[in-house]
Amino acid sequence: MKPFSFKNRIAFNYIITTALLIFVVFFAIYTIVKFSIYVRVNNEIKTEVAKHLKEIEVIENCVLLIREEQWKLKEFNRLDASPAFIQFVDELGALVEKSPNLKLKQLRYYPNAKEHELFDAKLENISVRQIQIPLYQGTKVIGYLIVAMSLEDSVMVLNNLFMIMLIAFPVILIILFLIARFIAGKSIKPINSIINTASYITKDNLESRIPLPQNKDELFTLSQTINSLLDRIENAVIREKQFTSDASHELRTPLAVIKGTLEVLIRKPRTEEEYKEKISYCVSEVNRLNHLVDELLLLARFENQKQNLKLEQVNLVSVLSDTLARNSTHIKDRKLKIISNYPSEVNATTDSYLFSLIINNIITNAIKYSNPSSNITISLAENTNVVVCSIADNGIGIAKEEISRIFDQFYRSKATDHPEIKGTGLGLSIVKRLCDLLEIDLQIQSEENNGTTVHLTLKK
């Protein structure tokens, strides 16, 4: 069985609800019409009862009509649409008198029927509404006045109404289904645009976007959200391609250097000092390659790993002290002076290991890019809800036009101007990625030839 399309499901669900509503409305109409008809018939019968009770008198256990000839003539000449049938019976139900319009027919007396209550009965094959009124002489019942009125016209009206509703019900539902299907088709037109656009999108074609509907409804929001998602995917793919290209280039460079050095080394015999020099150079390139691979793995490892965070209260002073201790040799070699502006203990909520990676990368950069015999200032400032960690150096700084690119992978500001400063261009990319992961606000202020200041804002 072929499944319903989304458009048909919308129309079908709409029709189910509408069908129940129409059924309730039709049932209410039919009930009200039937009730109104019966009320009218009941009132007419009661009027006839009241009128005929005034036209009889009881004498010596006999029911006598006042002006009998006039009564018969009047009943015979009535032109009512639904004339009343009148019949008098004795206490045993035997016929005493009846109206001329009954002709050869006779109303049936129901001994078990409740007095003064209306009920449905039969006059041969005709449906009638009937009432039986007892006639008394003193306290003794001497007979009954039976008044009935035909229900044939009322039954015909009710049957016609029922047939009209029975035919109209499916016709209305079919028409409403077609209308609902048409409206649903127009309403979900943006979904077809989404489907068509999605079918064109591949890894090599991410420029297509979904046309936004004119009405700013849920489908507009959906289309806008998908377009935003496509923007993020396109940017991620572009970054991934750029990263792959840069990574392959960065990995190929030390390998080419090692290969070239070894090829030169084996062309002819060398002295022991030359072998040591070339091998030492290759070892340094291998170390550089290992460092690059470690940083690439670090970037891949902590890509959107929010669920693996181990948040806890961390003593930031301890992290800073450990990092400075690990880099003490480089600090001494460059004759740098560390100025510390913080108390013995400052706590914040973060991941201890990841935060130590952030601090290590920032301090390592400060050491590398500081001028010899200059200062590096590290400070911690506590506010009500946050802690601000600042690391400032007096190094070569960064040009204003390059600050926006310093977080790009493999980007190094004016690397050719400072060939003595080694690096991979991944340090600040790692810092930025980890700060986003830990929800640490990262701000960098820098001025060329005057140094750089990094501000880290953590939640207490």
Protein backbone atom coordinates (compact mmCIF):
# COMPACT_ATOMS: atom_id res chain seq x y z
CA MET A 1 0.00 0.00 0.00
CA LYS A 2 1.40 3.36 -1.06
CA PRO A 3 1.79 5.67 1.98
CA PHE A 4 -0.02 9.00 2.13
CA SER A 5 1.99 12.01 1.09
CA PHE A 6 2.53 14.75 3.66
CA LYS A 7 0.02 16.94 1.79
CA ASN A 8 -2.63 14.19 1.83
CA ARG A 9 -1.98 13.44 5.52
CA ILE A 10 -2.62 17.09 6.40
CA ALA A 11 -5.84 17.07 4.36
CA PHE A 12 -6.93 13.71 5.79
CA ASN A 13 -6.35 14.79 9.40
CA TYR A 14 -8.24 18.00 8.69
CA ILE A 15 -11.14 16.02 7.21
CA ILE A 16 -11.31 13.65 10.19
CA THR A 17 -11.71 16.62 12.52
CA THR A 18 -14.16 18.34 10.19
CA ALA A 19 -16.19 15.14 9.79
CA LEU A 20 -16.66 14.86 13.54
CA LEU A 21 -17.67 18.52 13.72
CA ILE A 22 -20.14 18.24 10.82
CA PHE A 23 -21.60 15.06 12.32
CA VAL A 24 -22.19 16.86 15.63
CA VAL A 25 -23.77 19.83 13.80
CA PHE A 26 -26.02 17.60 11.66
CA PHE A 27 -27.04 15.58 14.70
CA ALA A 28 -27.87 18.78 16.56
CA ILE A 29 -29.92 20.12 13.63
CA TYR A 30 -31.84 16.86 13.28
CA THR A 31 -32.52 16.71 17.03
CA ILE A 32 -33.67 20.34 17.17
CA VAL A 33 -35.99 19.92 14.16
CA LYS A 34 -37.46 16.73 15.60
CA PHE A 35 -37.93 18.35 18.98
CA SER A 36 -39.59 21.40 17.40
CA ILE A 37 -41.97 19.23 15.39
CA TYR A 38 -43.00 17.22 18.42
CA VAL A 39 -43.45 20.36 20.51
CA ARG A 40 -45.74 21.81 17.84
CA VAL A 41 -47.76 18.59 17.56
CA ASN A 42 -47.96 18.23 21.35
CA ASN A 43 -49.21 21.81 21.74
CA GLU A 44 -51.86 21.33 19.04
CA ILE A 45 -53.06 18.12 20.68
CA LYS A 46 -53.30 19.80 24.09
CA THR A 47 -55.22 22.67 22.51
CA GLU A 48 -57.67 20.15 20.98
CA VAL A 49 -58.03 18.41 24.34
CA ALA A 50 -58.82 21.66 26.14
CA LYS A 51 -61.33 22.67 23.45
CA HIS A 52 -63.18 19.35 23.36
CA LEU A 53 -63.38 19.01 27.12
CA LYS A 54 -65.53 22.16 27.01
CA GLU A 55 -67.86 20.60 24.43
CA ILE A 56 -68.92 17.58 26.50
CA GLU A 57 -70.99 17.00 29.59
CA VAL A 58 -71.46 13.90 31.73
CA ILE A 59 -75.07 12.95 32.66
CA GLU A 60 -75.92 9.70 34.47
CA ASN A 61 -72.64 7.97 33.56
CA CYS A 62 -72.99 9.02 29.94
CA VAL A 63 -70.80 11.37 27.93
CA LEU A 64 -72.93 13.74 25.88
CA LEU A 65 -71.80 16.22 23.24
CA ILE A 66 -73.15 19.72 23.44
CA ARG A 67 -74.58 20.59 20.01
CA GLU A 68 -73.58 17.24 18.54
CA GLU A 69 -74.74 18.02 15.00
CA GLN A 70 -72.70 21.22 14.85
CA TRP A 71 -69.65 19.38 16.25
CA LYS A 72 -69.81 16.68 13.62
CA LEU A 73 -70.30 19.20 10.84
CA LYS A 74 -67.42 21.33 12.09
CA GLU A 75 -65.07 18.35 12.40
CA PHE A 76 -66.05 17.10 8.98
CA ASN A 77 -65.39 20.46 7.28
CA ARG A 78 -61.99 21.23 8.88
CA LEU A 79 -59.20 21.92 6.40
CA ASP A 80 -56.25 21.67 8.79
CA ALA A 81 -52.97 20.43 7.32
CA SER A 82 -52.81 17.94 10.19
CA PRO A 83 -56.39 17.52 11.46
CA ALA A 84 -56.92 16.13 14.90
CA PHE A 85 -58.68 12.78 15.33
CA ILE A 86 -61.20 12.76 18.18
CA GLN A 87 -62.69 9.66 19.77
CA PHE A 88 -64.72 8.94 22.90
CA VAL A 89 -64.65 5.53 24.53
CA ASP A 90 -66.22 4.14 27.67
CA GLU A 91 -64.29 2.97 30.71
CA LEU A 92 -63.61 -0.39 29.02
CA GLY A 93 -62.34 1.19 25.79
CA ALA A 94 -65.46 0.53 23.72
CA LEU A 95 -66.23 3.15 21.09
CA VAL A 96 -68.82 5.75 22.05
CA GLU A 97 -68.28 8.47 19.44
CA LYS A 98 -65.58 9.59 16.98
CA SER A 99 -64.90 12.50 14.69
CA PRO A 100 -66.06 12.13 11.08
CA ASN A 101 -62.51 12.43 9.68
CA LEU A 102 -61.77 8.98 11.12
CA LYS A 103 -64.29 7.54 8.67
CA LEU A 104 -64.02 3.75 8.97
CA LYS A 105 -60.85 3.94 11.07
CA GLN A 106 -60.77 3.83 14.83
CA LEU A 107 -58.21 4.99 17.36
CA ARG A 108 -56.92 2.25 19.58
CA TYR A 109 -57.35 2.55 23.33
CA TYR A 110 -54.19 1.66 25.29
CA PRO A 111 -55.19 0.64 28.84
CA ASN A 112 -51.56 0.61 30.02
CA ALA A 113 -50.76 4.09 28.74
CA LYS A 114 -50.32 6.79 31.34
CA GLU A 115 -53.13 9.30 31.55
CA HIS A 116 -52.57 12.85 30.30
CA GLU A 117 -49.25 11.80 28.70
CA LEU A 118 -48.51 11.98 24.98
CA PHE A 119 -47.13 8.94 23.19
CA ASP A 120 -46.60 7.63 19.67
CA ALA A 121 -49.16 5.18 18.36
CA LYS A 122 -50.59 3.74 15.13
CA LEU A 123 -53.85 4.45 13.32
CA GLU A 124 -53.83 1.40 11.11
CA ASN A 125 -50.63 2.16 9.05
CA ILE A 126 -50.45 5.85 9.94
CA SER A 127 -48.12 7.12 12.68
CA VAL A 128 -49.95 9.35 15.13
CA ARG A 129 -49.25 11.23 18.33
CA GLN A 130 -51.92 10.34 20.89
CA ILE A 131 -53.17 11.26 24.34
CA GLN A 132 -55.88 9.64 26.54
CA ILE A 133 -57.80 11.89 28.94
CA PRO A 134 -60.04 10.17 31.55
CA LEU A 135 -63.60 11.50 31.99
CA TYR A 136 -65.04 11.47 35.50
CA GLN A 137 -68.46 11.56 37.09
CA GLY A 138 -67.58 12.35 40.64
CA THR A 139 -64.59 10.16 41.34
CA LYS A 140 -65.55 7.41 38.93
CA VAL A 141 -63.97 7.11 35.47
CA ILE A 142 -66.81 6.69 32.96
CA GLY A 143 -64.80 7.00 29.76
CA TYR A 144 -61.88 8.50 27.90
CA LEU A 145 -61.33 11.30 25.45
CA ILE A 146 -58.73 10.15 22.91
CA VAL A 147 -57.11 12.85 20.80
CA ALA A 148 -54.54 12.00 18.11
CA MET A 149 -52.80 13.85 15.36
CA SER A 150 -51.04 12.41 12.32
CA LEU A 151 -47.24 12.38 12.29
CA GLU A 152 -46.98 11.44 8.61
CA ASP A 153 -45.97 14.93 7.47
CA SER A 154 -43.54 15.28 10.36
CA VAL A 155 -42.03 11.85 9.66
CA MET A 156 -41.71 12.76 5.99
CA VAL A 157 -39.93 16.03 6.88
CA LEU A 158 -37.57 14.20 9.26
CA ASN A 159 -36.87 11.44 6.70
CA ASN A 160 -36.19 14.01 3.96
CA LEU A 161 -33.90 15.92 6.32
CA PHE A 162 -32.09 12.69 7.24
CA MET A 163 -31.61 11.71 3.57
CA ILE A 164 -30.35 15.19 2.67
CA MET A 165 -27.83 15.08 5.52
CA LEU A 166 -26.83 11.51 4.63
CA ILE A 167 -26.08 12.52 1.03
CA ALA A 168 -24.60 15.90 1.91
CA PHE A 169 -22.22 14.49 4.56
CA PRO A 170 -19.85 12.57 2.20
CA VAL A 171 -20.22 15.18 -0.57
CA ILE A 172 -19.18 17.97 1.81
CA LEU A 173 -16.26 15.88 3.10
CA ILE A 174 -15.01 15.11 -0.42
CA ILE A 175 -15.21 18.77 -1.43
CA LEU A 176 -13.48 19.86 1.79
CA PHE A 177 -10.79 17.19 1.28
CA LEU A 178 -10.00 18.51 -2.19
CA ILE A 179 -9.95 22.11 -0.93
CA ALA A 180 -7.80 21.16 2.10
CA ARG A 181 -5.44 19.20 -0.16
CA PHE A 182 -5.07 22.20 -2.48
CA ILE A 183 -4.47 24.62 0.42
CA ALA A 184 -2.06 22.16 2.10
CA GLY A 185 -0.15 21.85 -1.18
CA LYS A 186 0.30 25.61 -1.36
CA SER A 187 1.15 25.82 2.34
CA ILE A 188 3.93 23.22 2.16
CA LYS A 189 5.40 24.56 -1.07
CA PRO A 190 8.52 25.74 0.85
CA ILE A 191 9.06 22.11 1.90
CA ASN A 192 9.32 21.17 -1.79
CA SER A 193 11.89 23.95 -2.15
CA ILE A 194 13.79 22.46 0.78
CA ILE A 195 13.70 19.01 -0.85
CA ASN A 196 14.78 20.35 -4.26
CA THR A 197 17.57 22.44 -2.75
CA ALA A 198 18.79 19.54 -0.60
CA SER A 199 18.97 17.30 -3.67
CA TYR A 200 21.36 19.74 -5.35
CA ILE A 201 23.68 20.09 -2.37
CA THR A 202 26.86 18.00 -2.39
CA LYS A 203 30.28 18.42 -0.79
CA ASP A 204 31.37 20.26 -3.94
CA ASN A 205 28.22 22.40 -4.19
CA LEU A 206 27.33 24.07 -0.92
CA GLU A 207 26.31 27.46 -2.33
CA SER A 208 22.61 26.65 -2.89
CA ARG A 209 20.17 28.13 -0.40
CA ILE A 210 16.45 27.65 0.20
CA PRO A 211 14.22 30.54 -0.99
CA LEU A 212 12.55 32.10 2.06
CA PRO A 213 8.69 32.10 2.04
CA GLN A 214 6.90 35.45 2.03
CA ASN A 215 4.98 34.67 5.22
CA LYS A 216 7.16 34.69 8.32
CA ASP A 217 5.70 31.53 9.81
CA GLU A 218 7.14 28.22 11.00
CA LEU A 219 8.24 27.25 7.47
CA PHE A 220 10.04 30.59 7.15
CA THR A 221 11.87 29.84 10.42
CA LEU A 222 12.65 26.30 9.22
CA SER A 223 14.03 27.56 5.90
CA GLN A 224 16.07 30.24 7.68
CA THR A 225 17.45 27.68 10.14
CA ILE A 226 18.43 25.26 7.35
CA ASN A 227 20.12 28.10 5.44
CA SER A 228 22.07 28.99 8.58
CA LEU A 229 23.01 25.32 8.98
CA LEU A 230 24.19 25.23 5.35
CA ASP A 231 26.27 28.37 5.99
CA ARG A 232 27.95 26.68 8.96
CA ILE A 233 28.51 23.47 7.03
CA GLU A 234 29.97 25.37 4.08
CA ASN A 235 32.31 27.32 6.37
CA ALA A 236 33.31 24.11 8.17
CA VAL A 237 34.03 22.34 4.86
CA ILE A 238 36.06 25.32 3.63
CA ARG A 239 38.03 25.37 6.88
CA GLU A 240 38.49 21.62 6.67
CA LYS A 241 39.81 21.84 3.13
CA GLN A 242 42.10 24.68 4.10
CA PHE A 243 43.25 22.79 7.19
CA THR A 244 43.95 19.64 5.16
CA SER A 245 45.86 21.64 2.58
CA ASP A 246 47.88 23.52 5.20
CA ALA A 247 48.49 20.41 7.30
CA SER A 248 49.76 18.43 4.31
CA HIS A 249 52.02 21.34 3.40
CA GLU A 250 53.35 21.72 6.96
CA LEU A 251 53.94 17.98 7.27
CA ARG A 252 55.58 17.76 3.87
CA THR A 253 58.07 20.54 4.62
CA PRO A 254 60.02 18.84 7.49
CA LEU A 255 59.86 15.51 5.66
CA ALA A 256 61.34 17.12 2.54
CA VAL A 257 64.06 18.76 4.66
CA ILE A 258 64.92 15.43 6.33
CA LYS A 259 64.91 13.60 3.00
CA GLY A 260 67.10 16.23 1.31
CA THR A 261 69.57 16.28 4.20
CA LEU A 262 69.91 12.48 4.22
CA GLU A 263 70.28 12.34 0.43
CA VAL A 264 73.07 14.91 0.61
CA LEU A 265 74.61 12.96 3.49
CA ILE A 266 74.89 9.66 1.55
CA ARG A 267 76.28 11.06 -1.67
CA LYS A 268 79.88 10.86 -0.41
CA PRO A 269 81.75 10.03 2.74
CA ARG A 270 81.59 12.68 5.43
CA THR A 271 83.55 13.54 8.52
CA GLU A 272 82.23 12.60 11.94
CA GLU A 273 81.43 16.24 12.67
CA GLU A 274 79.42 16.56 9.42
CA TYR A 275 77.46 13.39 10.22
CA LYS A 276 76.68 14.69 13.70
CA GLU A 277 75.65 18.07 12.35
CA LYS A 278 73.32 16.67 9.69
CA ILE A 279 71.85 14.01 11.98
CA SER A 280 71.27 16.61 14.70
CA TYR A 281 69.52 18.79 12.15
CA CYS A 282 67.33 15.84 11.10
CA VAL A 283 66.53 15.11 14.75
CA SER A 284 65.44 18.72 15.28
CA GLU A 285 63.17 18.46 12.22
CA VAL A 286 61.76 15.17 13.52
CA ASN A 287 61.07 16.87 16.86
CA ARG A 288 59.39 19.71 15.01
CA LEU A 289 57.33 17.16 13.06
CA ASN A 290 56.35 15.37 16.28
CA HIS A 291 55.31 18.66 17.84
CA LEU A 292 53.21 19.49 14.78
CA VAL A 293 51.51 16.06 14.85
CA ASP A 294 50.83 16.41 18.58
CA GLU A 295 49.14 19.76 18.02
CA LEU A 296 47.09 18.43 15.09
CA LEU A 297 45.93 15.49 17.23
CA LEU A 298 45.11 17.90 20.04
CA LEU A 299 42.92 19.97 17.74
CA ALA A 300 41.11 16.85 16.49
CA ARG A 301 40.74 15.42 20.00
CA PHE A 302 38.99 18.43 21.48
CA GLU A 303 36.74 19.20 18.50
CA ASN A 304 33.28 19.67 20.08
CA GLN A 305 34.10 17.43 23.06
CA LYS A 306 31.93 19.37 25.51
CA GLN A 307 30.56 16.15 27.01
CA ASN A 308 34.07 15.09 28.11
CA LEU A 309 34.80 18.17 30.17
CA LYS A 310 35.74 17.68 33.80
CA LEU A 311 34.66 20.94 35.40
CA GLU A 312 35.86 21.60 38.93
CA GLN A 313 37.21 24.32 41.18
CA VAL A 314 40.78 24.96 39.97
CA ASN A 315 43.47 27.01 41.72
CA LEU A 316 44.63 29.26 38.86
CA VAL A 317 47.75 30.33 40.77
CA SER A 318 48.89 26.70 40.91
CA VAL A 319 48.35 26.26 37.16
CA LEU A 320 50.36 29.41 36.41
CA SER A 321 53.18 28.37 38.74
CA ASP A 322 53.44 24.89 37.17
CA THR A 323 53.53 26.38 33.66
CA LEU A 324 56.25 28.87 34.58
CA ALA A 325 58.28 26.08 36.18
CA ARG A 326 58.11 23.99 32.98
CA ASN A 327 59.30 26.95 30.91
CA SER A 328 61.92 28.21 33.39
CA THR A 329 64.83 27.18 31.16
CA HIS A 330 63.56 29.20 28.20
CA ILE A 331 62.82 32.14 30.49
CA LYS A 332 66.40 32.11 31.77
CA ASP A 333 67.86 31.68 28.30
CA ARG A 334 66.09 34.85 27.11
CA LYS A 335 66.77 36.65 30.40
CA LEU A 336 63.10 37.45 30.88
CA LYS A 337 61.64 38.79 34.10
CA ILE A 338 58.26 37.43 35.26
CA ILE A 339 56.16 39.97 37.17
CA SER A 340 53.36 38.25 39.13
CA ASN A 341 50.36 40.25 40.36
CA TYR A 342 48.11 37.79 42.14
CA PRO A 343 47.49 36.39 45.64
CA SER A 344 48.43 32.93 46.80
CA GLU A 345 45.12 31.37 45.75
CA VAL A 346 42.49 32.28 43.16
CA ASN A 347 39.84 29.68 42.23
CA ALA A 348 37.58 29.35 39.17
CA THR A 349 35.40 26.63 37.68
CA THR A 350 37.07 25.03 34.66
CA ASP A 351 38.82 21.89 33.37
CA SER A 352 42.27 21.81 34.97
CA TYR A 353 44.04 19.95 32.15
CA LEU A 354 42.57 21.98 29.29
CA PHE A 355 43.14 25.26 31.10
CA SER A 356 46.77 24.33 31.66
CA LEU A 357 47.09 23.76 27.88
CA ILE A 358 45.66 27.24 27.24
CA ILE A 359 48.03 28.89 29.74
CA ASN A 360 51.03 26.93 28.43
CA ASN A 361 50.40 28.03 24.83
CA ILE A 362 49.94 31.69 25.80
CA ILE A 363 53.02 31.82 28.06
CA THR A 364 55.11 29.93 25.47
CA ASN A 365 54.12 32.53 22.85
CA ALA A 366 54.92 35.34 25.28
CA ILE A 367 58.39 33.85 25.86
CA LYS A 368 59.07 33.29 22.13
CA TYR A 369 57.89 36.70 20.95
CA SER A 370 59.26 38.80 23.84
CA ASN A 371 62.37 40.87 23.33
CA PRO A 372 65.37 39.55 25.31
CA SER A 373 65.72 40.95 28.85
CA SER A 374 62.15 42.29 28.79
CA ASN A 375 59.24 41.70 31.18
CA ILE A 376 56.26 39.34 31.13
CA THR A 377 53.47 40.44 33.46
CA ILE A 378 50.94 37.90 34.73
CA SER A 379 47.99 39.10 36.83
CA LEU A 380 44.73 37.72 38.25
CA ALA A 381 41.77 39.98 39.10
CA GLU A 382 38.66 38.74 40.89
CA ASN A 383 35.21 40.24 40.44
CA THR A 384 31.83 39.11 41.79
CA ASN A 385 31.24 36.27 39.31
CA VAL A 386 34.39 36.09 37.20
CA VAL A 387 38.17 35.92 37.34
CA VAL A 388 40.27 37.72 34.73
CA CYS A 389 43.71 36.32 33.94
CA SER A 390 45.98 38.69 31.99
CA ILE A 391 49.35 37.84 30.39
CA ALA A 392 51.28 40.74 28.86
CA ASP A 393 54.66 40.76 27.08
CA ASN A 394 56.88 43.49 25.65
CA GLY A 395 57.61 41.68 22.41
CA ILE A 396 57.29 42.26 18.68
CA GLY A 397 53.49 42.59 18.81
CA ILE A 398 50.97 42.03 16.02
CA ALA A 399 49.90 44.46 13.28
CA LYS A 400 46.26 45.60 13.47
CA GLU A 401 45.40 44.16 10.06
CA GLU A 402 46.64 40.72 11.15
CA ILE A 403 44.88 40.41 14.54
CA SER A 404 41.70 39.05 12.89
CA ARG A 405 43.71 36.13 11.42
CA ILE A 406 45.83 35.05 14.37
CA PHE A 407 43.38 32.27 15.30
CA ASP A 408 43.51 30.73 11.80
CA GLN A 409 45.26 27.39 11.69
CA PHE A 410 48.91 27.53 10.49
CA TYR A 411 48.83 31.31 10.25
CA ARG A 412 51.96 33.01 11.59
CA SER A 413 52.26 36.79 11.61
CA LYS A 414 55.29 37.93 9.58
CA ALA A 415 57.05 34.58 10.01
CA THR A 416 59.58 35.44 7.31
CA ASP A 417 60.64 38.60 9.20
CA HIS A 418 61.55 36.52 12.24
CA PRO A 419 62.95 33.20 11.00
CA GLU A 420 64.63 32.62 14.35
CA ILE A 421 61.19 32.17 16.02
CA LYS A 422 60.05 28.63 15.38
CA GLY A 423 56.41 27.56 15.43
CA THR A 424 53.61 25.71 13.67
CA GLY A 425 50.92 28.40 13.67
CA LEU A 426 48.55 26.13 15.61
CA GLY A 427 49.07 27.43 19.15
CA LEU A 428 46.45 30.20 19.13
CA SER A 429 44.04 27.99 17.14
CA ILE A 430 44.24 25.48 19.97
CA VAL A 431 43.80 28.24 22.55
CA LYS A 432 40.74 29.61 20.75
CA ARG A 433 39.19 26.15 20.38
CA LEU A 434 39.70 25.27 24.03
CA CYS A 435 38.42 28.67 25.23
CA ASP A 436 35.22 28.16 23.22
CA LEU A 437 34.90 24.67 24.69
CA LEU A 438 35.34 25.95 28.27
CA GLU A 439 33.25 29.10 27.65
CA ILE A 440 36.22 31.31 28.50
CA ASP A 441 36.11 34.80 27.03
CA LEU A 442 39.37 35.37 25.09
CA GLN A 443 40.50 38.90 24.20
CA ILE A 444 43.84 39.86 22.63
CA GLN A 445 45.19 43.39 22.49
CA SER A 446 48.39 44.01 20.56
CA GLU A 447 50.43 46.80 19.04
CA GLU A 448 53.28 46.18 16.66
CA ASN A 449 56.72 46.51 18.34
CA ASN A 450 55.06 47.25 21.71
CA GLY A 451 53.91 43.81 22.83
CA THR A 452 50.73 41.78 23.27
CA THR A 453 48.26 41.33 26.14
CA VAL A 454 45.94 38.32 26.44
CA HIS A 455 42.86 38.48 28.71
CA LEU A 456 41.07 35.30 29.82
CA THR A 457 37.74 35.70 31.65
CA LEU A 458 36.58 32.62 33.61
CA LYS A 459 33.46 31.98 35.67
CA LYS A 460 34.08 31.68 39.39
